[in-house]
C-alpha cells in the first residue's frame, strides 16, 4: 500500500448550532451532538453524514413538541 499526503492551505471551518427554546427552564439545556472525525482526503463522509443527518432528524421531530428545557444540536 502506498499512501501520499500533502499539506493544504488553511481553510475556514464553521460550527452550526440548532436550538429549540424550552418554555420553563431557560437556563437549562439538553445537548445533542454528532460524531465528526474526518478531514480533507479522508473517507469519513459516511460517518460525518450520518451523524449530521441524525441530529437534523432529531431536531425536526423535537420541534413539534413544547419542551421544558432548551435543546441544542451541535
N, C-alpha and C. Protein backbone atom coordinates (compact mmCIF):
# COMPACT_ATOMS: atom_id res chain seq x y z
N UNK A 1 0.84 -1.16 0.00
CA UNK A 1 0.00 0.00 0.00
C UNK A 1 0.89 1.23 0.00
N UNK A 2 0.56 2.18 -0.84
CA UNK A 2 1.27 3.45 -0.89
C UNK A 2 0.29 4.56 -0.54
N UNK A 3 0.66 5.37 0.40
CA UNK A 3 -0.18 6.49 0.81
C UNK A 3 0.60 7.77 0.65
N UNK A 4 0.01 8.72 -0.04
CA UNK A 4 0.64 10.03 -0.19
C UNK A 4 -0.15 11.04 0.62
N UNK A 5 0.55 12.02 1.15
CA UNK A 5 -0.13 13.09 1.86
C UNK A 5 0.49 14.41 1.45
N UNK A 6 -0.27 15.47 1.66
CA UNK A 6 0.25 16.79 1.36
C UNK A 6 -0.39 17.79 2.30
N UNK A 7 0.32 18.86 2.57
CA UNK A 7 -0.21 19.93 3.40
C UNK A 7 -1.08 20.83 2.53
N UNK A 8 -2.26 21.13 3.01
CA UNK A 8 -3.19 22.00 2.30
C UNK A 8 -3.26 23.35 3.00
N UNK A 9 -3.66 24.39 2.30
CA UNK A 9 -3.76 25.70 2.95
C UNK A 9 -4.84 25.71 4.02
N UNK A 10 -4.69 26.63 4.93
CA UNK A 10 -5.69 26.80 5.99
C UNK A 10 -7.01 27.21 5.36
N UNK A 11 -8.09 26.62 5.84
CA UNK A 11 -9.42 26.95 5.33
C UNK A 11 -10.35 27.27 6.49
N UNK A 12 -11.30 28.13 6.25
CA UNK A 12 -12.28 28.45 7.28
C UNK A 12 -13.14 27.22 7.59
N UNK A 13 -13.49 27.06 8.83
CA UNK A 13 -14.40 25.99 9.25
C UNK A 13 -15.48 26.63 10.12
N UNK A 14 -16.67 26.07 10.08
CA UNK A 14 -17.79 26.67 10.78
C UNK A 14 -18.52 25.62 11.61
N UNK A 15 -19.05 26.03 12.72
CA UNK A 15 -19.93 25.20 13.53
C UNK A 15 -21.35 25.72 13.35
N UNK A 16 -22.29 24.81 13.32
CA UNK A 16 -23.69 25.19 13.22
C UNK A 16 -24.39 24.67 14.48
N UNK A 17 -25.11 25.55 15.14
CA UNK A 17 -25.83 25.17 16.35
C UNK A 17 -27.32 25.40 16.10
N UNK A 18 -28.09 24.32 16.20
CA UNK A 18 -29.54 24.43 16.11
C UNK A 18 -30.10 24.50 17.52
N UNK A 19 -31.09 25.33 17.75
CA UNK A 19 -31.64 25.46 19.11
C UNK A 19 -33.16 25.53 19.08
N UNK A 20 -33.75 24.79 19.99
CA UNK A 20 -35.19 24.85 20.24
C UNK A 20 -35.33 25.36 21.67
N UNK A 21 -36.00 26.48 21.84
CA UNK A 21 -36.15 27.07 23.17
C UNK A 21 -37.20 26.33 23.99
N UNK A 22 -36.84 26.04 25.23
CA UNK A 22 -37.79 25.45 26.17
C UNK A 22 -38.66 26.53 26.79
N UNK A 23 -39.75 26.13 27.45
CA UNK A 23 -40.68 27.12 27.97
C UNK A 23 -40.60 27.32 29.48
N UNK A 24 -39.96 26.41 30.21
CA UNK A 24 -39.98 26.52 31.66
C UNK A 24 -38.62 26.78 32.30
N UNK A 25 -37.56 26.30 31.70
CA UNK A 25 -36.23 26.40 32.32
C UNK A 25 -35.25 27.00 31.31
N UNK A 26 -35.23 28.32 31.18
CA UNK A 26 -34.44 28.97 30.13
C UNK A 26 -32.92 28.82 30.29
N UNK A 27 -32.46 28.44 31.47
CA UNK A 27 -31.02 28.31 31.70
C UNK A 27 -30.55 26.86 31.71
N UNK A 28 -31.41 25.93 31.32
CA UNK A 28 -31.04 24.53 31.29
C UNK A 28 -31.13 24.00 29.87
N UNK A 29 -30.16 23.15 29.50
CA UNK A 29 -30.05 22.66 28.14
C UNK A 29 -29.88 21.15 28.08
N UNK A 30 -30.38 20.59 27.01
CA UNK A 30 -30.05 19.23 26.60
C UNK A 30 -29.23 19.41 25.32
N UNK A 31 -28.06 18.80 25.27
CA UNK A 31 -27.18 18.94 24.12
C UNK A 31 -27.18 17.64 23.31
N UNK A 32 -27.43 17.76 22.02
CA UNK A 32 -27.32 16.63 21.10
C UNK A 32 -26.09 16.88 20.24
N UNK A 33 -25.27 15.87 20.07
CA UNK A 33 -24.04 16.07 19.32
C UNK A 33 -23.76 14.86 18.44
N UNK A 34 -23.18 15.11 17.29
CA UNK A 34 -22.84 14.03 16.36
C UNK A 34 -21.32 13.82 16.36
N UNK A 35 -20.92 12.64 15.99
CA UNK A 35 -19.52 12.28 15.86
C UNK A 35 -19.01 12.81 14.52
N UNK A 36 -17.95 13.58 14.55
CA UNK A 36 -17.40 14.18 13.34
C UNK A 36 -15.89 14.05 13.39
N UNK A 37 -15.33 13.18 12.56
CA UNK A 37 -13.89 12.96 12.69
C UNK A 37 -13.10 12.89 11.40
N UNK A 38 -13.70 13.16 10.27
CA UNK A 38 -12.88 13.06 9.06
C UNK A 38 -12.28 14.41 8.72
N UNK A 39 -11.40 14.40 7.79
CA UNK A 39 -10.73 15.62 7.35
C UNK A 39 -10.50 15.50 5.85
N UNK A 40 -9.98 16.53 5.27
CA UNK A 40 -9.77 16.54 3.83
C UNK A 40 -8.98 15.30 3.40
N UNK A 41 -9.48 14.64 2.40
CA UNK A 41 -8.78 13.47 1.88
C UNK A 41 -9.10 12.18 2.60
N UNK A 42 -9.87 12.25 3.68
CA UNK A 42 -10.21 11.03 4.43
C UNK A 42 -11.50 10.43 3.89
N UNK A 43 -11.82 9.25 4.36
CA UNK A 43 -13.02 8.56 3.87
C UNK A 43 -14.15 8.61 4.89
N UNK A 44 -14.24 9.66 5.65
CA UNK A 44 -15.24 9.74 6.70
C UNK A 44 -16.56 10.35 6.28
N UNK A 45 -16.84 10.45 5.00
CA UNK A 45 -18.07 11.10 4.54
C UNK A 45 -19.31 10.42 5.09
N UNK A 46 -19.32 9.11 5.12
CA UNK A 46 -20.49 8.41 5.63
C UNK A 46 -20.63 8.65 7.13
N UNK A 47 -19.53 8.55 7.85
CA UNK A 47 -19.55 8.77 9.30
C UNK A 47 -20.08 10.16 9.62
N UNK A 48 -19.53 11.16 8.98
CA UNK A 48 -19.95 12.55 9.24
C UNK A 48 -21.36 12.80 8.75
N UNK A 49 -21.69 12.28 7.59
CA UNK A 49 -23.02 12.50 7.02
C UNK A 49 -24.12 11.89 7.87
N UNK A 50 -23.91 10.67 8.35
CA UNK A 50 -24.95 10.03 9.15
C UNK A 50 -25.12 10.73 10.49
N UNK A 51 -24.05 11.21 11.09
CA UNK A 51 -24.17 11.94 12.35
C UNK A 51 -24.91 13.25 12.17
N UNK A 52 -24.61 13.96 11.10
CA UNK A 52 -25.28 15.23 10.82
C UNK A 52 -26.76 15.01 10.55
N UNK A 53 -27.07 14.02 9.72
CA UNK A 53 -28.48 13.75 9.41
C UNK A 53 -29.25 13.29 10.64
N UNK A 54 -28.62 12.55 11.52
CA UNK A 54 -29.28 12.12 12.76
C UNK A 54 -29.65 13.32 13.61
N UNK A 55 -28.76 14.29 13.73
CA UNK A 55 -29.04 15.49 14.52
C UNK A 55 -30.15 16.32 13.87
N UNK A 56 -30.13 16.43 12.55
CA UNK A 56 -31.18 17.19 11.86
C UNK A 56 -32.53 16.52 12.04
N UNK A 57 -32.57 15.21 11.96
CA UNK A 57 -33.83 14.49 12.13
C UNK A 57 -34.33 14.59 13.57
N UNK A 58 -33.44 14.50 14.54
CA UNK A 58 -33.84 14.64 15.94
C UNK A 58 -34.46 16.00 16.19
N UNK A 59 -33.85 17.05 15.66
CA UNK A 59 -34.38 18.40 15.84
C UNK A 59 -35.72 18.57 15.11
N UNK A 60 -35.84 17.97 13.93
CA UNK A 60 -37.10 18.05 13.18
C UNK A 60 -38.25 17.44 13.97
N UNK A 61 -37.98 16.31 14.62
CA UNK A 61 -39.01 15.64 15.42
C UNK A 61 -39.31 16.43 16.68
N UNK A 62 -38.27 16.89 17.39
CA UNK A 62 -38.46 17.59 18.66
C UNK A 62 -39.16 18.94 18.51
N UNK A 63 -39.01 19.61 17.38
CA UNK A 63 -39.63 20.93 17.23
C UNK A 63 -41.15 20.87 17.21
N UNK A 64 -41.70 19.69 17.06
CA UNK A 64 -43.16 19.51 17.07
C UNK A 64 -43.76 19.56 18.47
N UNK A 65 -42.90 19.52 19.49
CA UNK A 65 -43.35 19.43 20.87
C UNK A 65 -43.01 20.70 21.65
N UNK A 66 -43.78 20.98 22.69
CA UNK A 66 -43.44 22.04 23.63
C UNK A 66 -42.51 21.41 24.66
N UNK A 67 -41.29 21.90 24.72
CA UNK A 67 -40.27 21.32 25.58
C UNK A 67 -40.05 22.16 26.83
N UNK A 68 -39.72 21.51 27.92
CA UNK A 68 -39.42 22.21 29.17
C UNK A 68 -38.05 22.87 29.11
N UNK A 69 -37.05 22.13 28.64
CA UNK A 69 -35.66 22.62 28.57
C UNK A 69 -35.33 23.05 27.15
N UNK A 70 -34.27 23.83 27.02
CA UNK A 70 -33.72 24.17 25.70
C UNK A 70 -33.01 22.94 25.15
N UNK A 71 -33.05 22.77 23.85
CA UNK A 71 -32.31 21.69 23.19
C UNK A 71 -31.40 22.32 22.15
N UNK A 72 -30.14 21.95 22.21
CA UNK A 72 -29.18 22.42 21.21
C UNK A 72 -28.59 21.22 20.48
N UNK A 73 -28.48 21.35 19.19
CA UNK A 73 -27.83 20.34 18.36
C UNK A 73 -26.54 20.94 17.84
N UNK A 74 -25.44 20.30 18.17
CA UNK A 74 -24.12 20.81 17.79
C UNK A 74 -23.51 19.95 16.71
